[in-house]
Amino acid sequence: MGKIGEDLAKKFLEEKGYKIIEQNYKTKYSEIDLVTEKENELVFVEVRTKVGENFGTPEDTLNYKKKNKIRFNALSYAAFKKWRGPIKIDAICIVLKPNYEVLRLNHYENIV
């Protein structure tokens, strides 16, 4: 499910003018789904994908603990790459139909 969502998010962002720098960047603590750049800003994107919403929405999974983990990883990545410009953290939440067609895709900017 994650791979399908990440590919949909990647295509969506590219169409909005984002340059994809990394996908599934792994650290020893976690993984960053997408590292992108737009207008000289480094944008970290967390992708949450679910089939249907019978058991909650993808947005429900973006709790305080998860956001802090994303923030820590984003700051670590920026420091490791010696990034000196602005950064932000976004989320893309996708709900799929049972046949994996997109029911909805929402892009939330500056979630942290």
N, C-alpha and C. Protein backbone atom coordinates (compact mmCIF):
# COMPACT_ATOMS: atom_id res chain seq x y z
N MET A 1 0.83 -1.19 0.00
CA MET A 1 0.00 0.00 0.00
C MET A 1 0.88 1.26 0.00
N GLY A 2 1.95 1.22 0.81
CA GLY A 2 2.82 2.38 0.91
C GLY A 2 3.45 2.77 -0.41
N LYS A 3 3.89 1.77 -1.17
CA LYS A 3 4.54 2.03 -2.46
C LYS A 3 3.56 2.68 -3.44
N ILE A 4 2.32 2.17 -3.47
CA ILE A 4 1.31 2.75 -4.35
C ILE A 4 1.08 4.21 -3.99
N GLY A 5 0.91 4.49 -2.69
CA GLY A 5 0.69 5.86 -2.24
C GLY A 5 1.86 6.77 -2.54
N GLU A 6 3.07 6.29 -2.31
CA GLU A 6 4.25 7.12 -2.57
C GLU A 6 4.39 7.44 -4.05
N ASP A 7 4.09 6.47 -4.90
CA ASP A 7 4.16 6.74 -6.34
C ASP A 7 3.11 7.76 -6.78
N LEU A 8 1.90 7.65 -6.21
CA LEU A 8 0.85 8.64 -6.51
C LEU A 8 1.25 10.03 -6.02
N ALA A 9 1.81 10.09 -4.81
CA ALA A 9 2.24 11.37 -4.23
C ALA A 9 3.37 11.97 -5.05
N LYS A 10 4.30 11.14 -5.46
CA LYS A 10 5.43 11.60 -6.26
C LYS A 10 4.94 12.23 -7.57
N LYS A 11 4.04 11.55 -8.26
CA LYS A 11 3.49 12.08 -9.51
C LYS A 11 2.75 13.39 -9.26
N PHE A 12 1.95 13.44 -8.21
CA PHE A 12 1.20 14.64 -7.85
C PHE A 12 2.14 15.82 -7.61
N LEU A 13 3.20 15.59 -6.84
CA LEU A 13 4.15 16.67 -6.53
C LEU A 13 4.91 17.13 -7.76
N GLU A 14 5.33 16.19 -8.58
CA GLU A 14 6.05 16.56 -9.81
C GLU A 14 5.17 17.44 -10.70
N GLU A 15 3.89 17.12 -10.76
CA GLU A 15 2.97 17.94 -11.56
C GLU A 15 2.80 19.34 -10.98
N LYS A 16 3.06 19.49 -9.67
CA LYS A 16 2.97 20.81 -9.02
C LYS A 16 4.32 21.54 -9.02
N GLY A 17 5.32 20.98 -9.70
CA GLY A 17 6.60 21.65 -9.83
C GLY A 17 7.65 21.28 -8.80
N TYR A 18 7.41 20.26 -8.00
CA TYR A 18 8.40 19.81 -7.03
C TYR A 18 9.43 18.93 -7.73
N LYS A 19 10.66 19.07 -7.31
CA LYS A 19 11.73 18.20 -7.80
C LYS A 19 11.95 17.12 -6.73
N ILE A 20 11.85 15.86 -7.13
CA ILE A 20 12.05 14.76 -6.19
C ILE A 20 13.56 14.53 -6.05
N ILE A 21 14.05 14.63 -4.82
CA ILE A 21 15.47 14.43 -4.56
C ILE A 21 15.73 13.00 -4.09
N GLU A 22 14.89 12.53 -3.19
CA GLU A 22 15.05 11.17 -2.66
C GLU A 22 13.68 10.57 -2.39
N GLN A 23 13.60 9.26 -2.52
CA GLN A 23 12.39 8.53 -2.14
C GLN A 23 12.81 7.41 -1.21
N ASN A 24 12.09 7.27 -0.11
CA ASN A 24 12.37 6.23 0.89
C ASN A 24 13.79 6.35 1.45
N TYR A 25 14.15 7.55 1.87
CA TYR A 25 15.47 7.78 2.47
C TYR A 25 15.47 7.18 3.87
N LYS A 26 16.32 6.20 4.07
CA LYS A 26 16.34 5.48 5.35
C LYS A 26 17.45 5.99 6.27
N THR A 27 17.09 6.16 7.53
CA THR A 27 18.07 6.43 8.58
C THR A 27 18.01 5.25 9.53
N LYS A 28 18.87 5.23 10.52
CA LYS A 28 18.80 4.12 11.47
C LYS A 28 17.58 4.25 12.40
N TYR A 29 16.95 5.40 12.39
CA TYR A 29 15.79 5.63 13.24
C TYR A 29 14.46 5.48 12.51
N SER A 30 14.44 5.80 11.23
CA SER A 30 13.17 5.83 10.52
C SER A 30 13.42 5.98 9.03
N GLU A 31 12.37 6.34 8.32
CA GLU A 31 12.44 6.55 6.88
C GLU A 31 11.69 7.83 6.52
N ILE A 32 12.23 8.57 5.57
CA ILE A 32 11.56 9.74 5.04
C ILE A 32 10.98 9.32 3.69
N ASP A 33 9.67 9.47 3.54
CA ASP A 33 9.02 8.99 2.32
C ASP A 33 9.54 9.72 1.08
N LEU A 34 9.44 11.04 1.09
CA LEU A 34 9.90 11.83 -0.06
C LEU A 34 10.66 13.06 0.43
N VAL A 35 11.81 13.29 -0.18
CA VAL A 35 12.55 14.53 0.03
C VAL A 35 12.47 15.26 -1.30
N THR A 36 11.92 16.47 -1.26
CA THR A 36 11.71 17.23 -2.49
C THR A 36 12.28 18.63 -2.34
N GLU A 37 12.30 19.33 -3.47
CA GLU A 37 12.72 20.73 -3.44
C GLU A 37 11.78 21.52 -4.35
N LYS A 38 11.39 22.68 -3.85
CA LYS A 38 10.59 23.60 -4.67
C LYS A 38 10.94 25.02 -4.28
N GLU A 39 11.29 25.80 -5.27
CA GLU A 39 11.63 27.21 -5.06
C GLU A 39 12.68 27.39 -3.97
N ASN A 40 13.75 26.62 -4.05
CA ASN A 40 14.88 26.68 -3.11
C ASN A 40 14.50 26.36 -1.67
N GLU A 41 13.43 25.60 -1.50
CA GLU A 41 13.02 25.15 -0.18
C GLU A 41 13.04 23.63 -0.17
N LEU A 42 13.65 23.05 0.86
CA LEU A 42 13.68 21.61 1.02
C LEU A 42 12.38 21.19 1.70
N VAL A 43 11.65 20.29 1.05
CA VAL A 43 10.34 19.89 1.55
C VAL A 43 10.34 18.38 1.80
N PHE A 44 10.09 18.01 3.05
CA PHE A 44 9.98 16.60 3.43
C PHE A 44 8.50 16.24 3.42
N VAL A 45 8.18 15.12 2.77
CA VAL A 45 6.78 14.75 2.61
C VAL A 45 6.53 13.37 3.21
N GLU A 46 5.62 13.34 4.15
CA GLU A 46 5.14 12.08 4.73
C GLU A 46 3.90 11.67 3.96
N VAL A 47 3.88 10.43 3.48
CA VAL A 47 2.76 9.93 2.70
C VAL A 47 2.01 8.89 3.53
N ARG A 48 0.71 9.10 3.67
CA ARG A 48 -0.15 8.18 4.42
C ARG A 48 -1.24 7.71 3.48
N THR A 49 -1.37 6.40 3.33
CA THR A 49 -2.32 5.82 2.37
C THR A 49 -3.17 4.76 3.06
N LYS A 50 -4.46 4.79 2.76
CA LYS A 50 -5.39 3.78 3.28
C LYS A 50 -6.39 3.41 2.18
N VAL A 51 -6.88 2.19 2.26
CA VAL A 51 -7.98 1.77 1.40
C VAL A 51 -9.25 1.98 2.21
N GLY A 52 -10.07 2.89 1.76
CA GLY A 52 -11.29 3.21 2.48
C GLY A 52 -11.02 3.94 3.78
N GLU A 53 -12.10 4.37 4.43
CA GLU A 53 -11.97 5.10 5.68
C GLU A 53 -12.83 4.49 6.79
N ASN A 54 -13.16 3.22 6.62
CA ASN A 54 -13.99 2.54 7.62
C ASN A 54 -13.31 2.46 8.98
N PHE A 55 -12.00 2.41 9.00
CA PHE A 55 -11.27 2.28 10.25
C PHE A 55 -10.40 3.50 10.52
N GLY A 56 -10.89 4.67 10.11
CA GLY A 56 -10.15 5.91 10.32
C GLY A 56 -9.55 6.44 9.02
N THR A 57 -9.10 7.67 9.10
CA THR A 57 -8.54 8.34 7.93
C THR A 57 -7.02 8.29 7.99
N PRO A 58 -6.37 8.53 6.86
CA PRO A 58 -4.90 8.62 6.90
C PRO A 58 -4.43 9.76 7.80
N GLU A 59 -5.23 10.83 7.85
CA GLU A 59 -4.88 11.97 8.71
C GLU A 59 -4.83 11.56 10.18
N ASP A 60 -5.67 10.60 10.58
CA ASP A 60 -5.69 10.14 11.97
C ASP A 60 -4.35 9.55 12.41
N THR A 61 -3.57 9.07 11.45
CA THR A 61 -2.29 8.42 11.80
C THR A 61 -1.17 9.44 11.99
N LEU A 62 -1.43 10.70 11.71
CA LEU A 62 -0.41 11.74 11.89
C LEU A 62 -0.53 12.36 13.28
N ASN A 63 -0.22 11.58 14.27
CA ASN A 63 -0.32 12.04 15.65
C ASN A 63 0.93 12.82 16.07
N TYR A 64 0.91 13.32 17.27
CA TYR A 64 2.01 14.13 17.80
C TYR A 64 3.35 13.38 17.75
N LYS A 65 3.34 12.13 18.15
CA LYS A 65 4.57 11.32 18.17
C LYS A 65 5.13 11.15 16.76
N LYS A 66 4.26 10.85 15.80
CA LYS A 66 4.70 10.66 14.41
C LYS A 66 5.26 11.96 13.84
N LYS A 67 4.59 13.08 14.10
CA LYS A 67 5.07 14.36 13.60
C LYS A 67 6.44 14.71 14.18
N ASN A 68 6.65 14.43 15.46
CA ASN A 68 7.96 14.69 16.07
C ASN A 68 9.05 13.83 15.45
N LYS A 69 8.72 12.60 15.14
CA LYS A 69 9.70 11.71 14.50
C LYS A 69 10.06 12.23 13.11
N ILE A 70 9.06 12.67 12.36
CA ILE A 70 9.30 13.23 11.03
C ILE A 70 10.18 14.47 11.15
N ARG A 71 9.86 15.33 12.10
CA ARG A 71 10.63 16.56 12.32
C ARG A 71 12.09 16.26 12.64
N PHE A 72 12.32 15.31 13.54
CA PHE A 72 13.68 14.92 13.90
C PHE A 72 14.45 14.41 12.67
N ASN A 73 13.81 13.55 11.90
CA ASN A 73 14.47 13.00 10.71
C ASN A 73 14.75 14.08 9.67
N ALA A 74 13.82 15.00 9.50
CA ALA A 74 14.02 16.09 8.53
C ALA A 74 15.20 16.97 8.94
N LEU A 75 15.26 17.33 10.21
CA LEU A 75 16.37 18.17 10.69
C LEU A 75 17.70 17.43 10.58
N SER A 76 17.69 16.14 10.88
CA SER A 76 18.91 15.33 10.75
C SER A 76 19.38 15.26 9.30
N TYR A 77 18.45 15.05 8.39
CA TYR A 77 18.78 14.99 6.97
C TYR A 77 19.37 16.32 6.51
N ALA A 78 18.71 17.42 6.86
CA ALA A 78 19.18 18.74 6.45
C ALA A 78 20.59 19.01 6.99
N ALA A 79 20.84 18.62 8.23
CA ALA A 79 22.17 18.82 8.81
C ALA A 79 23.21 17.95 8.10
N PHE A 80 22.86 16.69 7.84
CA PHE A 80 23.78 15.77 7.18
C PHE A 80 24.15 16.26 5.78
N LYS A 81 23.17 16.80 5.08
CA LYS A 81 23.40 17.29 3.71
C LYS A 81 23.93 18.72 3.69
N LYS A 82 24.08 19.32 4.88
CA LYS A 82 24.56 20.70 5.02
C LYS A 82 23.66 21.69 4.27
N TRP A 83 22.36 21.46 4.36
CA TRP A 83 21.37 22.34 3.73
C TRP A 83 21.30 23.65 4.51
N ARG A 84 21.40 24.76 3.84
CA ARG A 84 21.39 26.07 4.50
C ARG A 84 20.12 26.86 4.25
N GLY A 85 19.26 26.36 3.41
CA GLY A 85 18.04 27.09 3.08
C GLY A 85 16.87 26.70 3.97
N PRO A 86 15.71 27.22 3.67
CA PRO A 86 14.52 26.89 4.46
C PRO A 86 14.06 25.45 4.21
N ILE A 87 13.41 24.90 5.23
CA ILE A 87 12.82 23.58 5.10
C ILE A 87 11.37 23.62 5.59
N LYS A 88 10.58 22.66 5.13
CA LYS A 88 9.24 22.50 5.67
C LYS A 88 8.85 21.03 5.56
N ILE A 89 7.84 20.68 6.31
CA ILE A 89 7.36 19.30 6.33
C ILE A 89 5.90 19.29 5.93
N ASP A 90 5.61 18.50 4.90
CA ASP A 90 4.25 18.37 4.39
C ASP A 90 3.78 16.92 4.57
N ALA A 91 2.51 16.72 4.36
CA ALA A 91 1.94 15.37 4.35
C ALA A 91 0.99 15.27 3.16
N ILE A 92 0.99 14.10 2.57
CA ILE A 92 0.00 13.78 1.55
C ILE A 92 -0.78 12.58 2.06
N CYS A 93 -2.08 12.75 2.19
CA CYS A 93 -2.96 11.69 2.67
C CYS A 93 -3.84 11.23 1.51
N ILE A 94 -3.79 9.93 1.29
CA ILE A 94 -4.49 9.35 0.14
C ILE A 94 -5.46 8.28 0.62
N VAL A 95 -6.66 8.32 0.10
CA VAL A 95 -7.65 7.27 0.34
C VAL A 95 -7.95 6.62 -1.00
N LEU A 96 -7.80 5.30 -1.03
CA LEU A 96 -8.05 4.54 -2.25
C LEU A 96 -9.35 3.76 -2.16
N LYS A 97 -9.94 3.53 -3.31
CA LYS A 97 -11.09 2.63 -3.40
C LYS A 97 -10.56 1.20 -3.32
N PRO A 98 -11.43 0.22 -3.10
CA PRO A 98 -10.97 -1.17 -3.05
C PRO A 98 -10.21 -1.64 -4.30
N ASN A 99 -10.50 -1.02 -5.45
CA ASN A 99 -9.78 -1.37 -6.69
C ASN A 99 -8.51 -0.53 -6.87
N TYR A 100 -8.13 0.23 -5.83
CA TYR A 100 -6.92 1.06 -5.77
C TYR A 100 -6.99 2.33 -6.62
N GLU A 101 -8.17 2.71 -7.08
CA GLU A 101 -8.32 4.03 -7.70
C GLU A 101 -8.36 5.06 -6.58
N VAL A 102 -7.90 6.26 -6.90
CA VAL A 102 -7.85 7.32 -5.90
C VAL A 102 -9.25 7.84 -5.61
N LEU A 103 -9.64 7.77 -4.36
CA LEU A 103 -10.90 8.36 -3.90
C LEU A 103 -10.67 9.82 -3.54
N ARG A 104 -9.56 10.06 -2.82
CA ARG A 104 -9.16 11.45 -2.52
C ARG A 104 -7.67 11.50 -2.22
N LEU A 105 -7.08 12.64 -2.53
CA LEU A 105 -5.68 12.92 -2.24
C LEU A 105 -5.62 14.34 -1.72
N ASN A 106 -5.12 14.50 -0.49
CA ASN A 106 -5.00 15.83 0.11
C ASN A 106 -3.54 16.12 0.43
N HIS A 107 -3.12 17.32 0.08
CA HIS A 107 -1.76 17.79 0.36
C HIS A 107 -1.84 18.83 1.47
N TYR A 108 -1.21 18.51 2.60
CA TYR A 108 -1.18 19.42 3.74
C TYR A 108 0.23 19.99 3.86
N GLU A 109 0.34 21.30 3.87
CA GLU A 109 1.64 21.94 3.96
C GLU A 109 1.92 22.37 5.40
N ASN A 110 3.21 22.35 5.74
CA ASN A 110 3.68 22.80 7.07
C ASN A 110 2.94 22.11 8.22
N ILE A 111 3.01 20.80 8.26
CA ILE A 111 2.27 20.06 9.31
C ILE A 111 2.97 20.12 10.65
N VAL A 112 4.24 20.48 10.66
CA VAL A 112 4.98 20.55 11.94
C VAL A 112 5.41 21.98 12.18
